[in-house]
C-alpha atoms as a PDB file:
ATOM      1  CA  UNK A   1     -20.564  16.675 -23.142  1.00  0.00           C
ATOM      2  CA  UNK A   2     -16.754  16.597 -22.834  1.00  0.00           C
ATOM      3  CA  UNK A   3     -14.757  15.813 -19.689  1.00  0.00           C
ATOM      4  CA  UNK A   4     -13.774  19.485 -19.485  1.00  0.00           C
ATOM      5  CA  UNK A   5     -17.432  20.480 -19.294  1.00  0.00           C
ATOM      6  CA  UNK A   6     -18.405  17.707 -16.871  1.00  0.00           C
ATOM      7  CA  UNK A   7     -15.503  17.836 -14.411  1.00  0.00           C
ATOM      8  CA  UNK A   8     -13.649  21.130 -14.567  1.00  0.00           C
ATOM      9  CA  UNK A   9     -11.809  20.219 -11.335  1.00  0.00           C
ATOM     10  CA  UNK A  10     -10.246  17.223 -13.133  1.00  0.00           C
ATOM     11  CA  UNK A  11      -9.150  19.304 -16.092  1.00  0.00           C
ATOM     12  CA  UNK A  12      -7.694  22.039 -13.861  1.00  0.00           C
ATOM     13  CA  UNK A  13      -5.713  19.467 -11.878  1.00  0.00           C
ATOM     14  CA  UNK A  14      -4.603  17.703 -15.033  1.00  0.00           C
ATOM     15  CA  UNK A  15      -3.378  20.867 -16.738  1.00  0.00           C
ATOM     16  CA  UNK A  16      -1.610  21.963 -13.550  1.00  0.00           C
ATOM     17  CA  UNK A  17       0.336  18.687 -13.152  1.00  0.00           C
ATOM     18  CA  UNK A  18       0.533  17.057 -16.587  1.00  0.00           C
ATOM     19  CA  UNK A  19       3.996  18.394 -17.445  1.00  0.00           C
ATOM     20  CA  UNK A  20       5.417  17.456 -14.037  1.00  0.00           C
ATOM     21  CA  UNK A  21       3.952  13.947 -14.298  1.00  0.00           C
ATOM     22  CA  UNK A  22       5.424  13.490 -17.771  1.00  0.00           C
ATOM     23  CA  UNK A  23       8.842  14.617 -16.569  1.00  0.00           C
ATOM     24  CA  UNK A  24       8.665  12.267 -13.610  1.00  0.00           C
ATOM     25  CA  UNK A  25       7.728   9.303 -15.816  1.00  0.00           C
ATOM     26  CA  UNK A  26      10.287  10.147 -18.516  1.00  0.00           C
ATOM     27  CA  UNK A  27      13.084  10.377 -15.935  1.00  0.00           C
ATOM     28  CA  UNK A  28      12.280   6.916 -14.585  1.00  0.00           C
ATOM     29  CA  UNK A  29      11.756   5.245 -17.940  1.00  0.00           C
ATOM     30  CA  UNK A  30      14.442   6.837 -20.086  1.00  0.00           C
ATOM     31  CA  UNK A  31      11.977   6.402 -22.975  1.00  0.00           C
ATOM     32  CA  UNK A  32       9.829   9.441 -23.870  1.00  0.00           C
ATOM     33  CA  UNK A  33       7.311   7.483 -25.972  1.00  0.00           C
ATOM     34  CA  UNK A  34       6.561   4.997 -23.185  1.00  0.00           C
ATOM     35  CA  UNK A  35       6.366   7.867 -20.694  1.00  0.00           C
ATOM     36  CA  UNK A  36       3.691   9.539 -22.837  1.00  0.00           C
ATOM     37  CA  UNK A  37       1.788   6.241 -23.111  1.00  0.00           C
ATOM     38  CA  UNK A  38       1.812   5.793 -19.345  1.00  0.00           C
ATOM     39  CA  UNK A  39       0.783   9.426 -18.860  1.00  0.00           C
ATOM     40  CA  UNK A  40      -2.211   8.743 -21.075  1.00  0.00           C
ATOM     41  CA  UNK A  41      -3.051   5.711 -18.904  1.00  0.00           C
ATOM     42  CA  UNK A  42      -2.959   7.933 -15.824  1.00  0.00           C
ATOM     43  CA  UNK A  43      -5.297  10.413 -17.505  1.00  0.00           C
ATOM     44  CA  UNK A  44      -7.740   7.635 -18.435  1.00  0.00           C
ATOM     45  CA  UNK A  45      -7.743   6.412 -14.825  1.00  0.00           C
ATOM     46  CA  UNK A  46      -8.482   9.963 -13.686  1.00  0.00           C
ATOM     47  CA  UNK A  47     -11.310  10.215 -16.215  1.00  0.00           C
ATOM     48  CA  UNK A  48     -12.780   6.956 -14.934  1.00  0.00           C
ATOM     49  CA  UNK A  49     -13.033   8.558 -11.495  1.00  0.00           C
ATOM     50  CA  UNK A  50     -15.586  10.910 -13.033  1.00  0.00           C
ATOM     51  CA  UNK A  51     -17.152  13.308 -10.586  1.00  0.00           C
ATOM     52  CA  UNK A  52     -15.490  11.494  -7.659  1.00  0.00           C
ATOM     53  CA  UNK A  53     -12.197  13.092  -8.725  1.00  0.00           C
ATOM     54  CA  UNK A  54     -13.540  16.419  -7.451  1.00  0.00           C
ATOM     55  CA  UNK A  55     -13.738  14.879  -3.957  1.00  0.00           C
ATOM     56  CA  UNK A  56     -10.010  14.044  -3.916  1.00  0.00           C
ATOM     57  CA  UNK A  57      -8.380  16.224  -1.253  1.00  0.00           C
ATOM     58  CA  UNK A  58      -4.951  16.455  -2.925  1.00  0.00           C
ATOM     59  CA  UNK A  59      -5.220  15.967  -6.687  1.00  0.00           C
ATOM     60  CA  UNK A  60      -1.449  16.194  -7.255  1.00  0.00           C
ATOM     61  CA  UNK A  61      -0.730  13.458  -4.712  1.00  0.00           C
ATOM     62  CA  UNK A  62      -3.482  11.265  -6.186  1.00  0.00           C
ATOM     63  CA  UNK A  63      -2.159  11.707  -9.735  1.00  0.00           C
ATOM     64  CA  UNK A  64       1.400  10.877  -8.673  1.00  0.00           C
ATOM     65  CA  UNK A  65       0.259   7.804  -6.780  1.00  0.00           C
ATOM     66  CA  UNK A  66      -1.617   6.578  -9.841  1.00  0.00           C
ATOM     67  CA  UNK A  67       1.448   7.357 -11.996  1.00  0.00           C
ATOM     68  CA  UNK A  68       3.694   5.403  -9.624  1.00  0.00           C
ATOM     69  CA  UNK A  69       1.327   2.413  -9.659  1.00  0.00           C
ATOM     70  CA  UNK A  70       1.021   2.578 -13.442  1.00  0.00           C
ATOM     71  CA  UNK A  71       4.818   2.632 -13.766  1.00  0.00           C
ATOM     72  CA  UNK A  72       5.127  -0.335 -11.400  1.00  0.00           C
ATOM     73  CA  UNK A  73       2.576  -2.295 -13.450  1.00  0.00           C
ATOM     74  CA  UNK A  74       4.518  -1.441 -16.619  1.00  0.00           C
ATOM     75  CA  UNK A  75       7.784  -2.690 -15.120  1.00  0.00           C
ATOM     76  CA  UNK A  76       6.129  -5.909 -13.978  1.00  0.00           C
ATOM     77  CA  UNK A  77       4.766  -6.594 -17.450  1.00  0.00           C
ATOM     78  CA  UNK A  78       8.079  -5.853 -19.125  1.00  0.00           C
ATOM     79  CA  UNK A  79      10.408  -7.547 -16.667  1.00  0.00           C
ATOM     80  CA  UNK A  80      13.178  -9.304 -18.565  1.00  0.00           C
ATOM     81  CA  UNK A  81      13.035 -13.066 -18.337  1.00  0.00           C
ATOM     82  CA  UNK A  82      15.627 -15.690 -19.069  1.00  0.00           C
ATOM     83  CA  UNK A  83      14.747 -18.573 -21.345  1.00  0.00           C
ATOM     84  CA  UNK A  84      15.725 -21.853 -19.719  1.00  0.00           C
ATOM     85  CA  UNK A  85      17.615 -24.412 -21.682  1.00  0.00           C
ATOM     86  CA  UNK A  86      15.647 -27.626 -22.317  1.00  0.00           C
ATOM     87  CA  UNK A  87      18.738 -29.669 -21.498  1.00  0.00           C
ATOM     88  CA  UNK A  88      18.871 -28.600 -17.852  1.00  0.00           C
ATOM     89  CA  UNK A  89      18.931 -31.572 -15.493  1.00  0.00           C
ATOM     90  CA  UNK A  90      15.926 -32.199 -13.278  1.00  0.00           C
ATOM     91  CA  UNK A  91      16.234 -30.670  -9.851  1.00  0.00           C
ATOM     92  CA  UNK A  92      17.193 -33.128  -7.166  1.00  0.00           C
ATOM     93  CA  UNK A  93      14.729 -33.345  -4.302  1.00  0.00           C
ATOM     94  CA  UNK A  94      15.950 -31.306  -1.380  1.00  0.00           C
ATOM     95  CA  UNK A  95      16.019 -32.517   2.178  1.00  0.00           C
ATOM     96  CA  UNK A  96      13.229 -30.823   4.142  1.00  0.00           C
ATOM     97  CA  UNK A  97      14.342 -27.831   6.151  1.00  0.00           C
ATOM     98  CA  UNK A  98      14.873 -28.437   9.848  1.00  0.00           C
ATOM     99  CA  UNK A  99      12.051 -26.045  10.681  1.00  0.00           C
ATOM    100  CA  UNK A 100       9.623 -28.255   8.714  1.00  0.00           C
ATOM    101  CA  UNK A 101      10.686 -31.295  10.730  1.00  0.00           C
ATOM    102  CA  UNK A 102      10.202 -29.325  13.928  1.00  0.00           C
ATOM    103  CA  UNK A 103       6.458 -29.909  13.533  1.00  0.00           C
ATOM    104  CA  UNK A 104       7.013 -33.358  15.074  1.00  0.00           C
ATOM    105  CA  UNK A 105       7.728 -31.620  18.419  1.00  0.00           C
ATOM    106  CA  UNK A 106       4.662 -29.406  18.232  1.00  0.00           C
ATOM    107  CA  UNK A 107       1.948 -31.708  19.690  1.00  0.00           C
ATOM    108  CA  UNK A 108       3.956 -32.435  22.847  1.00  0.00           C
ATOM    109  CA  UNK A 109       5.008 -28.827  23.357  1.00  0.00           C
ATOM    110  CA  UNK A 110       1.464 -27.559  22.762  1.00  0.00           C
ATOM    111  CA  UNK A 111       0.247 -29.920  25.482  1.00  0.00           C
ATOM    112  CA  UNK A 112       2.780 -28.351  27.876  1.00  0.00           C
ATOM    113  CA  UNK A 113       1.372 -24.828  27.362  1.00  0.00           C
ATOM    114  CA  UNK A 114      -1.406 -23.332  29.433  1.00  0.00           C
ATOM    115  CA  UNK A 115      -4.938 -23.954  28.186  1.00  0.00           C
ATOM    116  CA  UNK A 116      -5.324 -20.276  27.151  1.00  0.00           C
ATOM    117  CA  UNK A 117      -2.060 -20.278  25.156  1.00  0.00           C
ATOM    118  CA  UNK A 118      -2.887 -23.620  23.538  1.00  0.00           C
ATOM    119  CA  UNK A 119      -6.348 -22.323  22.589  1.00  0.00           C
ATOM    120  CA  UNK A 120      -4.933 -19.136  21.004  1.00  0.00           C
ATOM    121  CA  UNK A 121      -2.283 -21.033  18.998  1.00  0.00           C
ATOM    122  CA  UNK A 122      -4.685 -23.782  17.934  1.00  0.00           C
ATOM    123  CA  UNK A 123      -7.534 -21.525  16.876  1.00  0.00           C
ATOM    124  CA  UNK A 124      -5.574 -18.727  15.173  1.00  0.00           C
ATOM    125  CA  UNK A 125      -2.337 -20.297  13.913  1.00  0.00           C
ATOM    126  CA  UNK A 126      -3.290 -23.903  13.282  1.00  0.00           C
ATOM    127  CA  UNK A 127      -6.986 -23.602  12.377  1.00  0.00           C
ATOM    128  CA  UNK A 128      -6.768 -20.213  10.652  1.00  0.00           C
ATOM    129  CA  UNK A 129      -9.273 -18.258  12.745  1.00  0.00           C
ATOM    130  CA  UNK A 130      -8.845 -14.520  12.260  1.00  0.00           C
ATOM    131  CA  UNK A 131      -7.714 -12.504  15.244  1.00  0.00           C
ATOM    132  CA  UNK A 132     -10.869 -10.427  14.917  1.00  0.00           C
ATOM    133  CA  UNK A 133     -13.066 -13.538  15.192  1.00  0.00           C
ATOM    134  CA  UNK A 134     -10.974 -14.750  18.126  1.00  0.00           C
ATOM    135  CA  UNK A 135     -11.538 -11.428  19.913  1.00  0.00           C
ATOM    136  CA  UNK A 136     -15.291 -11.716  19.316  1.00  0.00           C
ATOM    137  CA  UNK A 137     -15.282 -15.306  20.598  1.00  0.00           C
ATOM    138  CA  UNK A 138     -13.571 -14.263  23.837  1.00  0.00           C
ATOM    139  CA  UNK A 139     -15.570 -11.057  24.161  1.00  0.00           C
ATOM    140  CA  UNK A 140     -12.451  -8.869  24.260  1.00  0.00           C
ATOM    141  CA  UNK A 141     -11.061  -6.071  22.124  1.00  0.00           C
ATOM    142  CA  UNK A 142      -9.034  -6.807  18.988  1.00  0.00           C
ATOM    143  CA  UNK A 143      -5.834  -5.322  20.499  1.00  0.00           C
ATOM    144  CA  UNK A 144      -6.387  -7.502  23.563  1.00  0.00           C
ATOM    145  CA  UNK A 145      -6.723 -10.605  21.404  1.00  0.00           C
ATOM    146  CA  UNK A 146      -3.627  -9.702  19.406  1.00  0.00           C
ATOM    147  CA  UNK A 147      -1.635  -9.325  22.625  1.00  0.00           C
ATOM    148  CA  UNK A 148      -2.810 -12.720  23.894  1.00  0.00           C
ATOM    149  CA  UNK A 149      -1.878 -14.420  20.643  1.00  0.00           C
ATOM    150  CA  UNK A 150       1.564 -12.775  20.521  1.00  0.00           C
ATOM    151  CA  UNK A 151       2.290 -13.771  24.146  1.00  0.00           C
ATOM    152  CA  UNK A 152       1.166 -17.337  23.399  1.00  0.00           C
ATOM    153  CA  UNK A 153       3.476 -17.452  20.373  1.00  0.00           C
ATOM    154  CA  UNK A 154       6.431 -16.234  22.455  1.00  0.00           C
ATOM    155  CA  UNK A 155       5.757 -18.876  25.105  1.00  0.00           C
ATOM    156  CA  UNK A 156       5.401 -21.574  22.418  1.00  0.00           C
ATOM    157  CA  UNK A 157       8.736 -20.544  20.908  1.00  0.00           C
ATOM    158  CA  UNK A 158      10.440 -20.584  24.304  1.00  0.00           C
ATOM    159  CA  UNK A 159       8.964 -24.000  25.088  1.00  0.00           C
ATOM    160  CA  UNK A 160      10.064 -25.378  21.691  1.00  0.00           C
ATOM    161  CA  UNK A 161      13.577 -24.014  22.231  1.00  0.00           C
ATOM    162  CA  UNK A 162      13.802 -25.645  25.655  1.00  0.00           C
ATOM    163  CA  UNK A 163      11.913 -28.897  25.204  1.00  0.00           C
ATOM    164  CA  UNK A 164      13.170 -29.777  21.743  1.00  0.00           C
ATOM    165  CA  UNK A 165      16.641 -28.246  22.218  1.00  0.00           C
ATOM    166  CA  UNK A 166      16.364 -26.164  19.068  1.00  0.00           C
ATOM    167  CA  UNK A 167      19.563 -24.605  17.736  1.00  0.00           C
ATOM    168  CA  UNK A 168      19.618 -21.581  15.445  1.00  0.00           C
ATOM    169  CA  UNK A 169      22.175 -20.772  12.771  1.00  0.00           C
ATOM    170  CA  UNK A 170      23.872 -17.382  12.318  1.00  0.00           C
ATOM    171  CA  UNK A 171      20.842 -16.060  10.366  1.00  0.00           C
ATOM    172  CA  UNK A 172      18.444 -17.034  13.159  1.00  0.00           C
ATOM    173  CA  UNK A 173      16.921 -19.953  11.248  1.00  0.00           C
ATOM    174  CA  UNK A 174      16.346 -23.364  12.790  1.00  0.00           C
ATOM    175  CA  UNK A 175      19.310 -25.551  11.923  1.00  0.00           C
ATOM    176  CA  UNK A 176      18.708 -28.547  14.142  1.00  0.00           C
ATOM    177  CA  UNK A 177      16.817 -29.911  17.140  1.00  0.00           C
ATOM    178  CA  UNK A 178      16.390 -33.059  19.170  1.00  0.00           C
ATOM    179  CA  UNK A 179      13.001 -34.604  18.374  1.00  0.00           C
ATOM    180  CA  UNK A 180      10.745 -35.634  21.231  1.00  0.00           C
ATOM    181  CA  UNK A 181       8.187 -38.337  21.095  1.00  0.00           C
ATOM    182  CA  UNK A 182       4.578 -37.167  21.441  1.00  0.00           C
END
């Protein structure tokens, strides 16, 4: 049994939008042969949907989204690369960024925060607990947990700025600070 017999909704949608899809791909690629190849890939992806394609609310939008993703994948695979010369000197080790060194101030500043703020920062940012798990642990809603964590982060930043005398450059990045002993 052919696809046309199995899924007439797919074939109707395909025939209604095939020309428009090809034009859209050809315009972006400036290569008709590659555009036709990618159009075929889109059709194969639609075929793989099988009967589920008939459940798609807006077939045109779905086909164009698949075409856009297929085009993006094509560009990623065919991105031009530069061959590096074997005679390039080894990269010199860079001095660590000031923000990386700022971690030396963190233990002292964390100790200066409230217990609730310290708990939020420690569990979610330092130990990697998800905000959803943190909400469950506290018995609060996810938006409530997110708000607590964001407020704790703002207070940590303010405390770091004050206690460690952090200075920012014109781009807003840490440029320097005065370290504090733990």
